[in-house]
């Protein structure tokens, strides 16, 4: 059954800390995006709206927090293991036809442990399957992101194929990698996610 308090508000793994977005994180996000803006514009559709003004950033982050609190979607900021530096983000979004929960992530700079993205992908898969009853977890990966493809394959995901997309005046084709609930217990992702600790909105440990 889904948790009555929603997804974890904080998740600690050995290599990355995930925290639900808060408006107080706005300066850190702005600095991170501006530091890597050109690359992000090439690889992330949302970056087409960057750079944002201070007020736009705060409005956006209040909306993200509202979506999280209302269980509409889960989005977490990704921090270094010591919690000192913002380095990216991950999230879960129900697919439009409700046949899967889409998982996504992006990272910027060299602050994170190289294994941190695998920790994050594994643990949000755990959240989707064990806490949110996802019928399938589907990772959406850019076609040229070989590192993300290798990461999901190593975690036990299966490549389902390519989804053709158009947006922002250009093609945004992506590869879809998926993991089914029945595959989860024996997957490398489950083994990796077992090291994580998740906490609800009251600070109580969920797993």
Protein backbone atom coordinates (compact mmCIF):
# COMPACT_ATOMS: atom_id res chain seq x y z
CA UNK A 1 0.00 0.00 0.00
CA UNK A 2 1.22 3.56 -0.69
CA UNK A 3 2.57 5.38 2.36
CA UNK A 4 -0.06 7.67 3.99
CA UNK A 5 2.64 10.32 4.38
CA UNK A 6 3.70 10.12 0.75
CA UNK A 7 7.19 9.48 -0.60
CA UNK A 8 10.29 10.09 1.54
CA UNK A 9 11.17 13.73 2.03
CA UNK A 10 14.81 12.83 2.56
CA UNK A 11 16.79 9.80 1.41
CA UNK A 12 20.37 9.11 2.48
CA UNK A 13 22.57 6.70 0.54
CA UNK A 14 26.31 6.13 0.98
CA UNK A 15 27.06 8.44 -1.96
CA UNK A 16 24.20 10.93 -2.38
CA UNK A 17 21.55 12.69 -0.30
CA UNK A 18 18.14 13.31 -1.88
CA UNK A 19 15.93 16.04 -0.39
CA UNK A 20 12.55 17.23 -1.62
CA UNK A 21 12.82 20.68 -3.11
CA UNK A 22 12.38 23.71 -0.88
CA UNK A 23 12.35 27.40 -1.85
CA UNK A 24 15.44 27.86 0.33
CA UNK A 25 17.39 25.84 -2.24
CA UNK A 26 16.76 28.44 -4.97
CA UNK A 27 20.18 30.17 -4.77
CA UNK A 28 22.02 26.84 -4.92
CA UNK A 29 19.97 25.70 -7.93
CA UNK A 30 20.49 28.99 -9.77
CA UNK A 31 24.25 28.81 -9.23
CA UNK A 32 24.38 25.19 -10.40
CA UNK A 33 22.33 25.83 -13.55
CA UNK A 34 24.23 28.98 -14.51
CA UNK A 35 27.56 27.19 -14.06
CA UNK A 36 26.60 24.53 -16.62
CA UNK A 37 23.92 26.27 -18.66
CA UNK A 38 25.19 25.60 -22.17
CA UNK A 39 25.50 21.84 -21.63
CA UNK A 40 22.13 21.67 -19.87
CA UNK A 41 20.44 23.47 -22.76
CA UNK A 42 21.76 20.78 -25.11
CA UNK A 43 20.63 17.87 -22.95
CA UNK A 44 17.63 18.97 -20.86
CA UNK A 45 14.35 20.27 -22.26
CA UNK A 46 13.55 22.25 -19.12
CA UNK A 47 16.76 24.23 -19.54
CA UNK A 48 15.21 26.00 -22.52
CA UNK A 49 13.50 28.28 -19.97
CA UNK A 50 16.80 29.20 -18.31
CA UNK A 51 18.10 31.45 -16.95
CA UNK A 52 15.24 32.37 -14.61
CA UNK A 53 14.87 35.50 -12.52
CA UNK A 54 14.91 35.19 -8.74
CA UNK A 55 11.12 35.55 -8.55
CA UNK A 56 10.55 32.99 -11.33
CA UNK A 57 12.84 30.54 -9.56
CA UNK A 58 11.00 30.92 -6.26
CA UNK A 59 7.59 30.51 -7.91
CA UNK A 60 8.79 27.36 -9.68
CA UNK A 61 10.23 25.85 -6.52
CA UNK A 62 7.10 26.59 -4.50
CA UNK A 63 5.15 24.76 -7.21
CA UNK A 64 7.53 21.79 -7.04
CA UNK A 65 7.09 21.60 -3.27
CA UNK A 66 3.30 21.83 -3.62
CA UNK A 67 3.28 18.96 -6.13
CA UNK A 68 5.39 16.89 -3.74
CA UNK A 69 3.21 17.59 -0.69
CA UNK A 70 0.04 16.74 -2.64
CA UNK A 71 1.53 13.47 -4.01
CA UNK A 72 1.15 14.68 -7.58
CA UNK A 73 4.78 13.88 -8.39
CA UNK A 74 8.04 13.28 -6.56
CA UNK A 75 11.08 15.43 -7.19
CA UNK A 76 14.26 15.51 -5.13
CA UNK A 77 17.36 17.67 -5.15
CA UNK A 78 20.57 15.62 -5.24
CA UNK A 79 23.35 16.63 -2.86
CA UNK A 80 26.84 15.35 -2.16
CA UNK A 81 27.07 12.67 0.53
CA UNK A 82 28.00 15.26 3.16
CA UNK A 83 24.93 17.32 2.23
CA UNK A 84 27.05 20.36 1.48
CA UNK A 85 26.74 20.83 -2.29
CA UNK A 86 23.80 20.62 -4.70
CA UNK A 87 24.75 18.54 -7.74
CA UNK A 88 21.54 17.70 -9.62
CA UNK A 89 18.03 16.31 -9.30
CA UNK A 90 15.95 13.17 -9.71
CA UNK A 91 12.23 12.55 -9.88
CA UNK A 92 9.24 10.30 -10.45
CA UNK A 93 6.31 11.25 -12.66
CA UNK A 94 3.27 9.08 -13.54
CA UNK A 95 3.14 8.35 -17.26
CA UNK A 96 0.27 10.04 -19.15
CA UNK A 97 -1.50 6.69 -19.65
CA UNK A 98 -0.84 5.47 -16.08
CA UNK A 99 0.95 2.32 -17.23
CA UNK A 100 4.26 3.27 -15.63
CA UNK A 101 6.03 5.71 -13.37
CA UNK A 102 8.68 7.61 -15.27
CA UNK A 103 12.02 8.13 -13.52
CA UNK A 104 14.45 10.86 -14.52
CA UNK A 105 17.62 12.53 -13.32
CA UNK A 106 20.24 15.08 -14.24
CA UNK A 107 23.59 16.04 -12.74
CA UNK A 108 26.00 18.91 -13.17
CA UNK A 109 29.66 19.35 -12.35
CA UNK A 110 32.10 16.95 -10.76
CA UNK A 111 31.05 17.19 -7.11
CA UNK A 112 29.29 13.83 -6.86
CA UNK A 113 30.83 10.42 -6.33
CA UNK A 114 30.78 8.64 -9.74
CA UNK A 115 28.52 5.95 -8.24
CA UNK A 116 26.02 8.46 -6.82
CA UNK A 117 23.71 8.48 -9.89
CA UNK A 118 23.36 4.69 -9.60
CA UNK A 119 22.47 5.05 -5.91
CA UNK A 120 19.86 7.66 -6.76
CA UNK A 121 18.33 5.65 -9.63
CA UNK A 122 18.13 2.54 -7.46
CA UNK A 123 16.53 4.22 -4.49
CA UNK A 124 13.85 6.13 -6.41
CA UNK A 125 13.01 2.84 -8.10
CA UNK A 126 12.54 1.42 -4.60
CA UNK A 127 10.25 4.32 -3.70
CA UNK A 128 8.18 3.83 -6.87
CA UNK A 129 7.71 0.09 -6.41
CA UNK A 130 7.59 -0.38 -2.63
CA UNK A 131 5.86 2.84 -1.55
CA UNK A 132 3.92 4.09 -4.57
CA UNK A 133 2.80 0.76 -6.11
CA UNK A 134 4.11 1.66 -9.55
CA UNK A 135 2.99 -0.86 -12.22
CA UNK A 136 6.37 -0.37 -13.89
CA UNK A 137 9.33 1.96 -13.42
CA UNK A 138 10.42 3.45 -16.72
CA UNK A 139 13.69 5.37 -16.96
CA UNK A 140 13.75 8.01 -19.67
CA UNK A 141 17.32 8.31 -21.02
CA UNK A 142 18.73 10.57 -23.73
CA UNK A 143 19.84 8.50 -26.72
CA UNK A 144 23.41 9.78 -26.51
CA UNK A 145 23.72 9.31 -22.74
CA UNK A 146 25.80 6.16 -22.75
CA UNK A 147 26.63 6.43 -19.05
CA UNK A 148 22.94 6.48 -18.06
CA UNK A 149 22.17 3.57 -20.39
CA UNK A 150 25.00 1.50 -18.91
CA UNK A 151 23.89 2.45 -15.40
CA UNK A 152 20.32 1.26 -15.87
CA UNK A 153 21.43 -1.92 -17.58
CA UNK A 154 23.72 -2.66 -14.62
CA UNK A 155 20.81 -2.02 -12.23
CA UNK A 156 18.71 -4.68 -13.97
CA UNK A 157 16.55 -2.53 -16.25
CA UNK A 158 15.58 -3.75 -19.72
CA UNK A 159 15.77 -1.47 -22.76
CA UNK A 160 12.28 -1.36 -24.24
CA UNK A 161 13.06 0.79 -27.23
CA UNK A 162 13.09 4.39 -28.46
CA UNK A 163 10.30 6.91 -28.06
CA UNK A 164 10.27 9.67 -30.67
CA UNK A 165 9.57 13.10 -29.27
CA UNK A 166 9.40 16.63 -30.64
CA UNK A 167 9.58 19.78 -28.54
CA UNK A 168 11.23 23.18 -28.31
CA UNK A 169 11.49 23.12 -32.10
CA UNK A 170 13.71 20.03 -32.17
CA UNK A 171 13.70 16.26 -31.80
CA UNK A 172 14.08 14.87 -28.26
CA UNK A 173 14.13 11.14 -28.91
CA UNK A 174 14.77 9.07 -25.78
CA UNK A 175 15.51 5.46 -24.90
CA UNK A 176 13.13 3.80 -22.46
CA UNK A 177 14.48 1.38 -19.86
CA UNK A 178 12.08 -0.40 -17.53
CA UNK A 179 11.91 -2.58 -14.44
CA UNK A 180 8.79 -4.49 -13.38
CA UNK A 181 7.73 -5.04 -9.74
CA UNK A 182 8.24 -8.80 -10.12
CA UNK A 183 11.82 -8.19 -11.26
CA UNK A 184 12.63 -5.82 -8.43
CA UNK A 185 13.48 -8.17 -5.50
CA UNK A 186 16.27 -9.99 -7.36
CA UNK A 187 17.60 -6.94 -9.22
CA UNK A 188 20.98 -5.26 -8.62
CA UNK A 189 18.98 -2.06 -8.03
CA UNK A 190 17.27 -3.62 -4.99
CA UNK A 191 20.63 -4.72 -3.58
CA UNK A 192 22.03 -1.23 -3.95
CA UNK A 193 18.91 0.48 -2.60
CA UNK A 194 18.97 -1.70 0.53
CA UNK A 195 21.77 0.55 1.82
CA UNK A 196 19.55 3.64 1.75
CA UNK A 197 17.55 5.25 4.55
CA UNK A 198 14.34 7.14 3.77
CA UNK A 199 12.52 9.55 6.09
CA UNK A 200 8.95 10.87 5.93
CA UNK A 201 7.76 14.45 6.38
CA UNK A 202 7.89 14.03 10.18
CA UNK A 203 11.44 12.75 10.11
CA UNK A 204 10.43 9.16 10.87
CA UNK A 205 12.38 6.45 9.10
CA UNK A 206 10.38 4.66 6.38
CA UNK A 207 13.07 2.22 5.25
